[in-house]
PDB file of N, CA and C in Angstrom:
ATOM      1  N   MET A   1       0.835  -1.175   0.000  1.00  0.00           N
ATOM      2  CA  MET A   1       0.000   0.000   0.000  1.00  0.00           C
ATOM      3  C   MET A   1       0.887   1.248   0.000  1.00  0.00           C
ATOM      4  N   LEU A   2       0.577   2.199  -0.839  1.00  0.00           N
ATOM      5  CA  LEU A   2       1.344   3.434  -0.944  1.00  0.00           C
ATOM      6  C   LEU A   2       1.005   4.367   0.210  1.00  0.00           C
ATOM      7  N   PRO A   3       2.009   5.125   0.693  1.00  0.00           N
ATOM      8  CA  PRO A   3       1.720   6.074   1.766  1.00  0.00           C
ATOM      9  C   PRO A   3       0.843   7.206   1.250  1.00  0.00           C
ATOM     10  N   SER A   4       0.096   7.795   2.144  1.00  0.00           N
ATOM     11  CA  SER A   4      -0.781   8.899   1.756  1.00  0.00           C
ATOM     12  C   SER A   4       0.078  10.100   1.359  1.00  0.00           C
ATOM     13  N   PRO A   5      -0.459  10.976   0.519  1.00  0.00           N
ATOM     14  CA  PRO A   5       0.305  12.159   0.107  1.00  0.00           C
ATOM     15  C   PRO A   5       0.752  13.013   1.292  1.00  0.00           C
ATOM     16  N   LEU A   6      -0.046  13.059   2.339  1.00  0.00           N
ATOM     17  CA  LEU A   6       0.323  13.838   3.518  1.00  0.00           C
ATOM     18  C   LEU A   6       1.538  13.248   4.213  1.00  0.00           C
ATOM     19  N   LYS A   7       1.568  11.932   4.354  1.00  0.00           N
ATOM     20  CA  LYS A   7       2.712  11.265   4.989  1.00  0.00           C
ATOM     21  C   LYS A   7       3.962  11.440   4.134  1.00  0.00           C
ATOM     22  N   LEU A   8       3.786  11.359   2.831  1.00  0.00           N
ATOM     23  CA  LEU A   8       4.915  11.520   1.919  1.00  0.00           C
ATOM     24  C   LEU A   8       5.478  12.941   2.010  1.00  0.00           C
ATOM     25  N   LYS A   9       4.601  13.948   2.048  1.00  0.00           N
ATOM     26  CA  LYS A   9       5.057  15.335   2.183  1.00  0.00           C
ATOM     27  C   LYS A   9       5.792  15.542   3.502  1.00  0.00           C
ATOM     28  N   PHE A  10       5.275  14.949   4.577  1.00  0.00           N
ATOM     29  CA  PHE A  10       5.914  15.082   5.883  1.00  0.00           C
ATOM     30  C   PHE A  10       7.307  14.452   5.861  1.00  0.00           C
ATOM     31  N   ALA A  11       7.411  13.243   5.296  1.00  0.00           N
ATOM     32  CA  ALA A  11       8.703  12.550   5.240  1.00  0.00           C
ATOM     33  C   ALA A  11       9.708  13.345   4.408  1.00  0.00           C
ATOM     34  N   LEU A  12       9.266  13.896   3.291  1.00  0.00           N
ATOM     35  CA  LEU A  12      10.157  14.699   2.451  1.00  0.00           C
ATOM     36  C   LEU A  12      10.585  15.976   3.172  1.00  0.00           C
ATOM     37  N   SER A  13       9.676  16.583   3.913  1.00  0.00           N
ATOM     38  CA  SER A  13      10.016  17.796   4.669  1.00  0.00           C
ATOM     39  C   SER A  13      11.067  17.506   5.730  1.00  0.00           C
ATOM     40  N   VAL A  14      10.893  16.396   6.446  1.00  0.00           N
ATOM     41  CA  VAL A  14      11.860  16.015   7.473  1.00  0.00           C
ATOM     42  C   VAL A  14      13.224  15.760   6.839  1.00  0.00           C
ATOM     43  N   ALA A  15      13.243  15.050   5.712  1.00  0.00           N
ATOM     44  CA  ALA A  15      14.507  14.757   5.030  1.00  0.00           C
ATOM     45  C   ALA A  15      15.174  16.048   4.546  1.00  0.00           C
ATOM     46  N   LEU A  16      14.388  16.976   4.038  1.00  0.00           N
ATOM     47  CA  LEU A  16      14.931  18.243   3.554  1.00  0.00           C
ATOM     48  C   LEU A  16      15.540  19.056   4.698  1.00  0.00           C
ATOM     49  N   VAL A  17      14.840  19.142   5.813  1.00  0.00           N
ATOM     50  CA  VAL A  17      15.354  19.887   6.963  1.00  0.00           C
ATOM     51  C   VAL A  17      16.629  19.237   7.494  1.00  0.00           C
ATOM     52  N   ALA A  18      16.631  17.911   7.601  1.00  0.00           N
ATOM     53  CA  ALA A  18      17.827  17.206   8.082  1.00  0.00           C
ATOM     54  C   ALA A  18      19.007  17.456   7.146  1.00  0.00           C
ATOM     55  N   GLY A  19      18.766  17.427   5.846  1.00  0.00           N
ATOM     56  CA  GLY A  19      19.827  17.688   4.878  1.00  0.00           C
ATOM     57  C   GLY A  19      20.364  19.103   4.983  1.00  0.00           C
ATOM     58  N   MET A  20      19.481  20.056   5.195  1.00  0.00           N
ATOM     59  CA  MET A  20      19.918  21.445   5.329  1.00  0.00           C
ATOM     60  C   MET A  20      20.752  21.641   6.593  1.00  0.00           C
ATOM     61  N   ILE A  21      20.349  21.002   7.677  1.00  0.00           N
ATOM     62  CA  ILE A  21      21.126  21.102   8.922  1.00  0.00           C
ATOM     63  C   ILE A  21      22.504  20.499   8.719  1.00  0.00           C
ATOM     64  N   PHE A  22      22.551  19.333   8.071  1.00  0.00           N
ATOM     65  CA  PHE A  22      23.833  18.664   7.830  1.00  0.00           C
ATOM     66  C   PHE A  22      24.742  19.538   6.971  1.00  0.00           C
ATOM     67  N   LEU A  23      24.211  20.063   5.870  1.00  0.00           N
ATOM     68  CA  LEU A  23      25.030  20.868   4.961  1.00  0.00           C
ATOM     69  C   LEU A  23      25.447  22.194   5.586  1.00  0.00           C
ATOM     70  N   SER A  24      24.617  22.759   6.444  1.00  0.00           N
ATOM     71  CA  SER A  24      24.983  24.040   7.049  1.00  0.00           C
ATOM     72  C   SER A  24      26.123  23.893   8.044  1.00  0.00           C
ATOM     73  N   SER A  25      26.358  22.681   8.526  1.00  0.00           N
ATOM     74  CA  SER A  25      27.453  22.485   9.484  1.00  0.00           C
ATOM     75  C   SER A  25      28.796  22.306   8.790  1.00  0.00           C
ATOM     76  N   CYS A  26      28.802  22.081   7.480  1.00  0.00           N
ATOM     77  CA  CYS A  26      30.056  21.890   6.747  1.00  0.00           C
ATOM     78  C   CYS A  26      30.793  23.219   6.611  1.00  0.00           C
ATOM     79  N   GLY A  27      32.096  23.196   6.838  1.00  0.00           N
ATOM     80  CA  GLY A  27      32.933  24.363   6.621  1.00  0.00           C
ATOM     81  C   GLY A  27      32.865  25.416   7.705  1.00  0.00           C
ATOM     82  N   LYS A  28      32.168  25.143   8.788  1.00  0.00           N
ATOM     83  CA  LYS A  28      32.104  26.119   9.875  1.00  0.00           C
ATOM     84  C   LYS A  28      33.369  26.062  10.703  1.00  0.00           C
ATOM     85  N   ASP A  29      33.617  27.138  11.418  1.00  0.00           N
ATOM     86  CA  ASP A  29      34.756  27.166  12.327  1.00  0.00           C
ATOM     87  C   ASP A  29      34.575  26.095  13.383  1.00  0.00           C
ATOM     88  N   PRO A  30      35.661  25.510  13.827  1.00  0.00           N
ATOM     89  CA  PRO A  30      35.547  24.462  14.831  1.00  0.00           C
ATOM     90  C   PRO A  30      34.958  25.004  16.128  1.00  0.00           C
ATOM     91  N   SER A  31      34.194  24.166  16.798  1.00  0.00           N
ATOM     92  CA  SER A  31      33.580  24.567  18.058  1.00  0.00           C
ATOM     93  C   SER A  31      34.647  24.676  19.143  1.00  0.00           C
ATOM     94  N   ALA A  32      34.245  25.239  20.262  1.00  0.00           N
ATOM     95  CA  ALA A  32      35.179  25.396  21.383  1.00  0.00           C
ATOM     96  C   ALA A  32      35.673  24.044  21.864  1.00  0.00           C
ATOM     97  N   SER A  33      34.792  23.032  21.842  1.00  0.00           N
ATOM     98  CA  SER A  33      35.228  21.707  22.298  1.00  0.00           C
ATOM     99  C   SER A  33      36.253  21.111  21.343  1.00  0.00           C
ATOM    100  N   GLU A  34      36.090  21.370  20.033  1.00  0.00           N
ATOM    101  CA  GLU A  34      37.079  20.869  19.073  1.00  0.00           C
ATOM    102  C   GLU A  34      38.406  21.598  19.248  1.00  0.00           C
ATOM    103  N   GLN A  35      38.352  22.901  19.531  1.00  0.00           N
ATOM    104  CA  GLN A  35      39.578  23.665  19.717  1.00  0.00           C
ATOM    105  C   GLN A  35      40.297  23.248  20.993  1.00  0.00           C
ATOM    106  N   ALA A  36      39.537  22.787  21.989  1.00  0.00           N
ATOM    107  CA  ALA A  36      40.136  22.382  23.254  1.00  0.00           C
ATOM    108  C   ALA A  36      40.691  20.964  23.195  1.00  0.00           C
ATOM    109  N   ALA A  37      40.386  20.231  22.135  1.00  0.00           N
ATOM    110  CA  ALA A  37      40.879  18.858  22.007  1.00  0.00           C
ATOM    111  C   ALA A  37      42.404  18.864  21.941  1.00  0.00           C
ATOM    112  N   THR A  38      42.984  17.732  22.259  1.00  0.00           N
ATOM    113  CA  THR A  38      44.440  17.623  22.209  1.00  0.00           C
ATOM    114  C   THR A  38      44.911  17.708  20.764  1.00  0.00           C
ATOM    115  N   PRO A  39      46.162  18.110  20.539  1.00  0.00           N
ATOM    116  CA  PRO A  39      46.683  18.135  19.167  1.00  0.00           C
ATOM    117  C   PRO A  39      46.541  16.772  18.486  1.00  0.00           C
ATOM    118  N   GLU A  40      46.798  15.701  19.231  1.00  0.00           N
ATOM    119  CA  GLU A  40      46.691  14.359  18.654  1.00  0.00           C
ATOM    120  C   GLU A  40      45.271  14.099  18.162  1.00  0.00           C
ATOM    121  N   LYS A  41      44.290  14.460  18.971  1.00  0.00           N
ATOM    122  CA  LYS A  41      42.891  14.222  18.605  1.00  0.00           C
ATOM    123  C   LYS A  41      42.506  15.067  17.399  1.00  0.00           C
ATOM    124  N   ARG A  42      42.987  16.314  17.335  1.00  0.00           N
ATOM    125  CA  ARG A  42      42.684  17.169  16.180  1.00  0.00           C
ATOM    126  C   ARG A  42      43.245  16.570  14.897  1.00  0.00           C
ATOM    127  N   VAL A  43      44.475  16.078  14.951  1.00  0.00           N
ATOM    128  CA  VAL A  43      45.097  15.474  13.764  1.00  0.00           C
ATOM    129  C   VAL A  43      44.338  14.212  13.368  1.00  0.00           C
ATOM    130  N   GLU A  44      44.059  13.348  14.328  1.00  0.00           N
ATOM    131  CA  GLU A  44      43.349  12.099  14.033  1.00  0.00           C
ATOM    132  C   GLU A  44      41.967  12.374  13.447  1.00  0.00           C
ATOM    133  N   THR A  45      41.250  13.328  14.028  1.00  0.00           N
ATOM    134  CA  THR A  45      39.900  13.649  13.560  1.00  0.00           C
ATOM    135  C   THR A  45      39.934  14.223  12.153  1.00  0.00           C
ATOM    136  N   PHE A  46      40.828  15.173  11.909  1.00  0.00           N
ATOM    137  CA  PHE A  46      40.855  15.805  10.594  1.00  0.00           C
ATOM    138  C   PHE A  46      41.303  14.829   9.509  1.00  0.00           C
ATOM    139  N   CYS A  47      42.380  14.097   9.767  1.00  0.00           N
ATOM    140  CA  CYS A  47      42.905  13.196   8.741  1.00  0.00           C
ATOM    141  C   CYS A  47      41.927  12.064   8.433  1.00  0.00           C
ATOM    142  N   SER A  48      41.249  11.567   9.446  1.00  0.00           N
ATOM    143  CA  SER A  48      40.344  10.443   9.212  1.00  0.00           C
ATOM    144  C   SER A  48      38.986  10.890   8.687  1.00  0.00           C
ATOM    145  N   ALA A  49      38.782  12.192   8.495  1.00  0.00           N
ATOM    146  CA  ALA A  49      37.531  12.660   7.907  1.00  0.00           C
ATOM    147  C   ALA A  49      37.465  12.330   6.420  1.00  0.00           C
ATOM    148  N   CYS A  50      38.616  12.188   5.765  1.00  0.00           N
ATOM    149  CA  CYS A  50      38.651  11.905   4.324  1.00  0.00           C
ATOM    150  C   CYS A  50      39.125  10.493   4.004  1.00  0.00           C
ATOM    151  N   HIS A  51      39.950   9.930   4.855  1.00  0.00           N
ATOM    152  CA  HIS A  51      40.522   8.609   4.587  1.00  0.00           C
ATOM    153  C   HIS A  51      40.904   7.958   5.902  1.00  0.00           C
ATOM    154  N   LEU A  52      41.248   6.696   5.843  1.00  0.00           N
ATOM    155  CA  LEU A  52      41.724   6.025   7.047  1.00  0.00           C
ATOM    156  C   LEU A  52      42.993   6.706   7.526  1.00  0.00           C
ATOM    157  N   LEU A  53      43.108   6.850   8.816  1.00  0.00           N
ATOM    158  CA  LEU A  53      44.308   7.448   9.389  1.00  0.00           C
ATOM    159  C   LEU A  53      45.473   6.495   9.157  1.00  0.00           C
ATOM    160  N   PRO A  54      46.505   6.935   8.426  1.00  0.00           N
ATOM    161  CA  PRO A  54      47.618   6.018   8.167  1.00  0.00           C
ATOM    162  C   PRO A  54      48.451   5.798   9.425  1.00  0.00           C
ATOM    163  N   PRO A  55      48.882   4.574   9.646  1.00  0.00           N
ATOM    164  CA  PRO A  55      49.786   4.351  10.774  1.00  0.00           C
ATOM    165  C   PRO A  55      51.096   5.102  10.514  1.00  0.00           C
ATOM    166  N   PRO A  56      51.615   5.825  11.495  1.00  0.00           N
ATOM    167  CA  PRO A  56      52.862   6.561  11.285  1.00  0.00           C
ATOM    168  C   PRO A  56      54.015   5.674  10.828  1.00  0.00           C
ATOM    169  N   ALA A  57      53.973   4.394  11.139  1.00  0.00           N
ATOM    170  CA  ALA A  57      55.064   3.489  10.764  1.00  0.00           C
ATOM    171  C   ALA A  57      55.066   3.144   9.277  1.00  0.00           C
ATOM    172  N   THR A  58      54.110   3.667   8.496  1.00  0.00           N
ATOM    173  CA  THR A  58      54.101   3.359   7.065  1.00  0.00           C
ATOM    174  C   THR A  58      55.157   4.135   6.289  1.00  0.00           C
ATOM    175  N   LEU A  59      55.664   5.210   6.869  1.00  0.00           N
ATOM    176  CA  LEU A  59      56.727   5.992   6.226  1.00  0.00           C
ATOM    177  C   LEU A  59      57.823   6.258   7.246  1.00  0.00           C
ATOM    178  N   PRO A  60      59.065   6.385   6.779  1.00  0.00           N
ATOM    179  CA  PRO A  60      60.124   6.771   7.715  1.00  0.00           C
ATOM    180  C   PRO A  60      59.924   8.225   8.154  1.00  0.00           C
ATOM    181  N   ARG A  61      60.460   8.547   9.285  1.00  0.00           N
ATOM    182  CA  ARG A  61      60.297   9.859   9.910  1.00  0.00           C
ATOM    183  C   ARG A  61      60.586  11.014   8.944  1.00  0.00           C
ATOM    184  N   GLY A  62      61.636  10.892   8.163  1.00  0.00           N
ATOM    185  CA  GLY A  62      62.047  11.975   7.277  1.00  0.00           C
ATOM    186  C   GLY A  62      61.108  12.252   6.118  1.00  0.00           C
ATOM    187  N   MET A  63      60.164  11.382   5.839  1.00  0.00           N
ATOM    188  CA  MET A  63      59.256  11.581   4.703  1.00  0.00           C
ATOM    189  C   MET A  63      57.922  12.205   5.101  1.00  0.00           C
ATOM    190  N   TRP A  64      57.621  12.245   6.394  1.00  0.00           N
ATOM    191  CA  TRP A  64      56.296  12.703   6.810  1.00  0.00           C
ATOM    192  C   TRP A  64      56.052  14.182   6.536  1.00  0.00           C
ATOM    193  N   GLU A  65      57.040  15.026   6.681  1.00  0.00           N
ATOM    194  CA  GLU A  65      56.810  16.457   6.457  1.00  0.00           C
ATOM    195  C   GLU A  65      56.344  16.715   5.023  1.00  0.00           C
ATOM    196  N   ARG A  66      57.001  16.095   4.061  1.00  0.00           N
ATOM    197  CA  ARG A  66      56.604  16.270   2.658  1.00  0.00           C
ATOM    198  C   ARG A  66      55.207  15.699   2.408  1.00  0.00           C
ATOM    199  N   LYS A  67      54.914  14.529   2.994  1.00  0.00           N
ATOM    200  CA  LYS A  67      53.606  13.901   2.811  1.00  0.00           C
ATOM    201  C   LYS A  67      52.503  14.774   3.418  1.00  0.00           C
ATOM    202  N   ILE A  68      52.760  15.351   4.576  1.00  0.00           N
ATOM    203  CA  ILE A  68      51.765  16.219   5.213  1.00  0.00           C
ATOM    204  C   ILE A  68      51.538  17.469   4.369  1.00  0.00           C
ATOM    205  N   ASP A  69      52.609  18.035   3.810  1.00  0.00           N
ATOM    206  CA  ASP A  69      52.449  19.188   2.917  1.00  0.00           C
ATOM    207  C   ASP A  69      51.569  18.827   1.716  1.00  0.00           C
ATOM    208  N   GLU A  70      51.770  17.644   1.152  1.00  0.00           N
ATOM    209  CA  GLU A  70      50.940  17.192   0.025  1.00  0.00           C
ATOM    210  C   GLU A  70      49.474  17.090   0.442  1.00  0.00           C
ATOM    211  N   MET A  71      49.225  16.520   1.608  1.00  0.00           N
ATOM    212  CA  MET A  71      47.855  16.337   2.064  1.00  0.00           C
ATOM    213  C   MET A  71      47.194  17.676   2.396  1.00  0.00           C
ATOM    214  N   TYR A  72      47.958  18.621   2.928  1.00  0.00           N
ATOM    215  CA  TYR A  72      47.390  19.940   3.211  1.00  0.00           C
ATOM    216  C   TYR A  72      47.025  20.640   1.904  1.00  0.00           C
ATOM    217  N   GLU A  73      47.822  20.466   0.869  1.00  0.00           N
ATOM    218  CA  GLU A  73      47.483  21.053  -0.432  1.00  0.00           C
ATOM    219  C   GLU A  73      46.211  20.423  -0.989  1.00  0.00           C
ATOM    220  N   LEU A  74      46.050  19.112  -0.819  1.00  0.00           N
ATOM    221  CA  LEU A  74      44.813  18.459  -1.257  1.00  0.00           C
ATOM    222  C   LEU A  74      43.620  18.982  -0.464  1.00  0.00           C
ATOM    223  N   ALA A  75      43.805  19.185   0.826  1.00  0.00           N
ATOM    224  CA  ALA A  75      42.716  19.693   1.667  1.00  0.00           C
ATOM    225  C   ALA A  75      42.336  21.114   1.261  1.00  0.00           C
ATOM    226  N   ARG A  76      43.330  21.883   0.849  1.00  0.00           N
ATOM    227  CA  ARG A  76      43.070  23.263   0.423  1.00  0.00           C
ATOM    228  C   ARG A  76      42.283  23.263  -0.882  1.00  0.00           C
ATOM    229  N   GLY A  77      42.585  22.348  -1.769  1.00  0.00           N
ATOM    230  CA  GLY A  77      41.906  22.311  -3.057  1.00  0.00           C
ATOM    231  C   GLY A  77      42.165  23.581  -3.826  1.00  0.00           C
ATOM    232  N   SER A  78      41.115  24.172  -4.353  1.00  0.00           N
ATOM    233  CA  SER A  78      41.265  25.402  -5.126  1.00  0.00           C
ATOM    234  C   SER A  78      41.042  26.640  -4.260  1.00  0.00           C
ATOM    235  N   GLN A  79      40.866  26.443  -2.949  1.00  0.00           N
ATOM    236  CA  GLN A  79      40.644  27.570  -2.044  1.00  0.00           C
ATOM    237  C   GLN A  79      41.959  28.291  -1.764  1.00  0.00           C
ATOM    238  N   LYS A  80      41.860  29.575  -1.473  1.00  0.00           N
ATOM    239  CA  LYS A  80      43.065  30.335  -1.133  1.00  0.00           C
ATOM    240  C   LYS A  80      43.511  30.049   0.289  1.00  0.00           C
ATOM    241  N   GLU A  81      42.541  29.754   1.157  1.00  0.00           N
ATOM    242  CA  GLU A  81      42.857  29.489   2.556  1.00  0.00           C
ATOM    243  C   GLU A  81      42.585  28.029   2.879  1.00  0.00           C
ATOM    244  N   LEU A  82      43.265  27.548   3.892  1.00  0.00           N
ATOM    245  CA  LEU A  82      43.034  26.178   4.338  1.00  0.00           C
ATOM    246  C   LEU A  82      41.661  26.083   4.988  1.00  0.00           C
ATOM    247  N   PRO A  83      40.999  24.922   4.871  1.00  0.00           N
ATOM    248  CA  PRO A  83      39.668  24.783   5.452  1.00  0.00           C
ATOM    249  C   PRO A  83      39.687  24.891   6.974  1.00  0.00           C
ATOM    250  N   ALA A  84      38.549  25.299   7.524  1.00  0.00           N
ATOM    251  CA  ALA A  84      38.410  25.401   8.980  1.00  0.00           C
ATOM    252  C   ALA A  84      38.558  24.015   9.595  1.00  0.00           C
ATOM    253  N   GLY A  85      39.107  23.971  10.767  1.00  0.00           N
ATOM    254  CA  GLY A  85      39.259  22.694  11.459  1.00  0.00           C
ATOM    255  C   GLY A  85      40.572  21.998  11.169  1.00  0.00           C
ATOM    256  N   LEU A  86      41.315  22.522  10.217  1.00  0.00           N
ATOM    257  CA  LEU A  86      42.599  21.911   9.885  1.00  0.00           C
ATOM    258  C   LEU A  86      43.575  22.183  11.024  1.00  0.00           C
ATOM    259  N   PRO A  87      44.149  21.134  11.602  1.00  0.00           N
ATOM    260  CA  PRO A  87      45.100  21.388  12.685  1.00  0.00           C
ATOM    261  C   PRO A  87      46.333  22.103  12.135  1.00  0.00           C
ATOM    262  N   PRO A  88      47.005  22.878  12.961  1.00  0.00           N
ATOM    263  CA  PRO A  88      48.226  23.530  12.489  1.00  0.00           C
ATOM    264  C   PRO A  88      49.198  22.497  11.914  1.00  0.00           C
ATOM    265  N   ARG A  89      49.883  22.890  10.864  1.00  0.00           N
ATOM    266  CA  ARG A  89      50.811  21.993  10.170  1.00  0.00           C
ATOM    267  C   ARG A  89      51.811  21.370  11.139  1.00  0.00           C
ATOM    268  N   GLY A  90      52.323  22.158  12.066  1.00  0.00           N
ATOM    269  CA  GLY A  90      53.301  21.663  13.033  1.00  0.00           C
ATOM    270  C   GLY A  90      52.750  20.542  13.900  1.00  0.00           C
ATOM    271  N   GLU A  91      51.451  20.629  14.245  1.00  0.00           N
ATOM    272  CA  GLU A  91      50.833  19.560  15.039  1.00  0.00           C
ATOM    273  C   GLU A  91      50.799  18.255  14.255  1.00  0.00           C
ATOM    274  N   ALA A  92      50.450  18.350  12.980  1.00  0.00           N
ATOM    275  CA  ALA A  92      50.378  17.144  12.155  1.00  0.00           C
ATOM    276  C   ALA A  92      51.768  16.536  11.974  1.00  0.00           C
ATOM    277  N   ILE A  93      52.751  17.378  11.724  1.00  0.00           N
ATOM    278  CA  ILE A  93      54.120  16.874  11.552  1.00  0.00           C
ATOM    279  C   ILE A  93      54.605  16.219  12.838  1.00  0.00           C
ATOM    280  N   ALA A  94      54.372  16.866  13.974  1.00  0.00           N
ATOM    281  CA  ALA A  94      54.803  16.299  15.260  1.00  0.00           C
ATOM    282  C   ALA A  94      54.102  14.979  15.547  1.00  0.00           C
ATOM    283  N   TYR A  95      52.813  14.900  15.217  1.00  0.00           N
ATOM    284  CA  TYR A  95      52.049  13.668  15.458  1.00  0.00           C
ATOM    285  C   TYR A  95      52.699  12.487  14.733  1.00  0.00           C
ATOM    286  N   PHE A  96      52.967  12.666  13.439  1.00  0.00           N
ATOM    287  CA  PHE A  96      53.479  11.544  12.651  1.00  0.00           C
ATOM    288  C   PHE A  96      54.967  11.285  12.882  1.00  0.00           C
ATOM    289  N   THR A  97      55.774  12.341  12.952  1.00  0.00           N
ATOM    290  CA  THR A  97      57.218  12.109  13.096  1.00  0.00           C
ATOM    291  C   THR A  97      57.583  11.556  14.467  1.00  0.00           C
ATOM    292  N   SER A  98      56.822  11.907  15.492  1.00  0.00           N
ATOM    293  CA  SER A  98      57.138  11.381  16.827  1.00  0.00           C
ATOM    294  C   SER A  98      56.797   9.900  16.950  1.00  0.00           C
ATOM    295  N   ARG A  99      55.969   9.397  16.054  1.00  0.00           N
ATOM    296  CA  ARG A  99      55.550   7.995  16.113  1.00  0.00           C
ATOM    297  C   ARG A  99      56.170   7.142  15.003  1.00  0.00           C
ATOM    298  N   ALA A 100      56.798   7.781  14.039  1.00  0.00           N
ATOM    299  CA  ALA A 100      57.350   7.058  12.883  1.00  0.00           C
ATOM    300  C   ALA A 100      58.737   6.509  13.198  1.00  0.00           C
ATOM    301  N   PRO A 101      59.096   5.403  12.552  1.00  0.00           N
ATOM    302  CA  PRO A 101      60.449   4.877  12.739  1.00  0.00           C
ATOM    303  C   PRO A 101      61.460   5.743  11.991  1.00  0.00           C
ATOM    304  N   GLU A 102      62.697   5.678  12.416  1.00  0.00           N
ATOM    305  CA  GLU A 102      63.767   6.420  11.741  1.00  0.00           C
ATOM    306  C   GLU A 102      63.881   5.965  10.285  1.00  0.00           C
ATOM    307  N   GLY A 103      63.756   4.688  10.054  1.00  0.00           N
ATOM    308  CA  GLY A 103      63.822   4.125   8.705  1.00  0.00           C
ATOM    309  C   GLY A 103      62.964   2.876   8.636  1.00  0.00           C
ATOM    310  N   LEU A 104      62.765   2.396   7.439  1.00  0.00           N
ATOM    311  CA  LEU A 104      61.993   1.170   7.244  1.00  0.00           C
ATOM    312  C   LEU A 104      62.948   0.018   6.973  1.00  0.00           C
ATOM    313  N   PRO A 105      62.564  -1.186   7.364  1.00  0.00           N
ATOM    314  CA  PRO A 105      63.442  -2.329   7.093  1.00  0.00           C
ATOM    315  C   PRO A 105      63.565  -2.550   5.587  1.00  0.00           C
ATOM    316  N   GLY A 106      64.722  -3.013   5.168  1.00  0.00           N
ATOM    317  CA  GLY A 106      64.942  -3.280   3.748  1.00  0.00           C
ATOM    318  C   GLY A 106      64.181  -4.517   3.296  1.00  0.00           C
ATOM    319  N   LEU A 107      64.010  -4.616   2.008  1.00  0.00           N
ATOM    320  CA  LEU A 107      63.364  -5.798   1.446  1.00  0.00           C
ATOM    321  C   LEU A 107      64.365  -6.940   1.393  1.00  0.00           C
ATOM    322  N   SER A 108      63.896  -8.114   1.705  1.00  0.00           N
ATOM    323  CA  SER A 108      64.798  -9.265   1.615  1.00  0.00           C
ATOM    324  C   SER A 108      64.555  -9.973   0.285  1.00  0.00           C
ATOM    325  N   HIS A 109      65.619 -10.420  -0.316  1.00  0.00           N
ATOM    326  CA  HIS A 109      65.508 -11.192  -1.551  1.00  0.00           C
ATOM    327  C   HIS A 109      66.657 -12.188  -1.601  1.00  0.00           C
ATOM    328  N   THR A 110      66.484 -13.166  -2.404  1.00  0.00           N
ATOM    329  CA  THR A 110      67.520 -14.186  -2.543  1.00  0.00           C
ATOM    330  C   THR A 110      68.092 -14.088  -3.945  1.00  0.00           C
ATOM    331  N   VAL A 111      69.398 -13.896  -4.033  1.00  0.00           N
ATOM    332  CA  VAL A 111      70.065 -13.773  -5.322  1.00  0.00           C
ATOM    333  C   VAL A 111      70.340 -15.169  -5.870  1.00  0.00           C
ATOM    334  N   GLY A 112      70.098 -15.334  -7.156  1.00  0.00           N
ATOM    335  CA  GLY A 112      70.428 -16.589  -7.821  1.00  0.00           C
ATOM    336  C   GLY A 112      69.389 -17.681  -7.657  1.00  0.00           C
ATOM    337  N   ARG A 113      68.330 -17.407  -6.992  1.00  0.00           N
ATOM    338  CA  ARG A 113      67.297 -18.415  -6.807  1.00  0.00           C
ATOM    339  C   ARG A 113      66.155 -18.113  -7.758  1.00  0.00           C
ATOM    340  N   ARG A 114      65.747 -19.111  -8.506  1.00  0.00           N
ATOM    341  CA  ARG A 114      64.708 -18.917  -9.498  1.00  0.00           C
ATOM    342  C   ARG A 114      63.361 -19.337  -8.929  1.00  0.00           C
ATOM    343  N   SER A 115      62.382 -18.510  -9.118  1.00  0.00           N
ATOM    344  CA  SER A 115      61.047 -18.834  -8.652  1.00  0.00           C
ATOM    345  C   SER A 115      60.458 -19.912  -9.547  1.00  0.00           C
ATOM    346  N   PRO A 116      59.877 -20.959  -8.979  1.00  0.00           N
ATOM    347  CA  PRO A 116      59.288 -22.006  -9.807  1.00  0.00           C
ATOM    348  C   PRO A 116      58.100 -21.502 -10.620  1.00  0.00           C
ATOM    349  N   ALA A 117      57.502 -20.387 -10.213  1.00  0.00           N
ATOM    350  CA  ALA A 117      56.363 -19.862 -10.955  1.00  0.00           C
ATOM    351  C   ALA A 117      56.801 -19.173 -12.242  1.00  0.00           C
ATOM    352  N   LEU A 118      58.066 -18.792 -12.322  1.00  0.00           N
ATOM    353  CA  LEU A 118      58.565 -18.123 -13.512  1.00  0.00           C
ATOM    354  C   LEU A 118      59.550 -19.038 -14.223  1.00  0.00           C
ATOM    355  N   GLY A 119      59.413 -19.106 -15.490  1.00  0.00           N
ATOM    356  CA  GLY A 119      60.342 -19.935 -16.252  1.00  0.00           C
ATOM    357  C   GLY A 119      60.687 -19.270 -17.565  1.00  0.00           C
ATOM    358  N   PHE A 120      61.730 -19.745 -18.182  1.00  0.00           N
ATOM    359  CA  PHE A 120      62.155 -19.193 -19.456  1.00  0.00           C
ATOM    360  C   PHE A 120      62.445 -20.352 -20.396  1.00  0.00           C
ATOM    361  N   ASP A 121      61.723 -20.379 -21.482  1.00  0.00           N
ATOM    362  CA  ASP A 121      61.954 -21.392 -22.503  1.00  0.00           C
ATOM    363  C   ASP A 121      62.232 -20.669 -23.812  1.00  0.00           C
ATOM    364  N   PRO A 122      63.447 -20.843 -24.368  1.00  0.00           N
ATOM    365  CA  PRO A 122      63.764 -20.172 -25.630  1.00  0.00           C
ATOM    366  C   PRO A 122      62.851 -20.676 -26.753  1.00  0.00           C
ATOM    367  N   ILE A 123      62.461 -19.771 -27.630  1.00  0.00           N
ATOM    368  CA  ILE A 123      61.607 -20.121 -28.768  1.00  0.00           C
ATOM    369  C   ILE A 123      62.462 -20.099 -30.027  1.00  0.00           C
ATOM    370  N   GLY A 124      62.319 -21.145 -30.846  1.00  0.00           N
ATOM    371  CA  GLY A 124      63.013 -21.213 -32.128  1.00  0.00           C
ATOM    372  C   GLY A 124      64.510 -21.372 -32.022  1.00  0.00           C
ATOM    373  N   ALA A 125      64.968 -22.081 -31.038  1.00  0.00           N
ATOM    374  CA  ALA A 125      66.409 -22.254 -30.857  1.00  0.00           C
ATOM    375  C   ALA A 125      66.988 -23.274 -31.777  1.00  0.00           C
TER     376      ALA A 125
END
């Protein structure tokens, strides 16, 4: 059975109001509670708003500053100013570099060992 036109209008009105409230909260200055959050929480919240928060151990310490600069440029997009809520660059750098390893372990490989999955058969010899 189809809902009555009155119920349908009410449901659409509620959805419209909810959507307007949601959209009006985008891009606003951070609230006092967000500003009072720890630097770590600000970095985690902002970075995980667009993607999974990467573990700091995925890059060596010396690469995080450049990576954070790249991500801040992506966050800026075509805007002249950085979006509201973006933690200061120094906080983001400190968050990742203080937790990142000095370097990453090297890849191990065996020289002279042929993988059975790969083979070479000359053609037309």
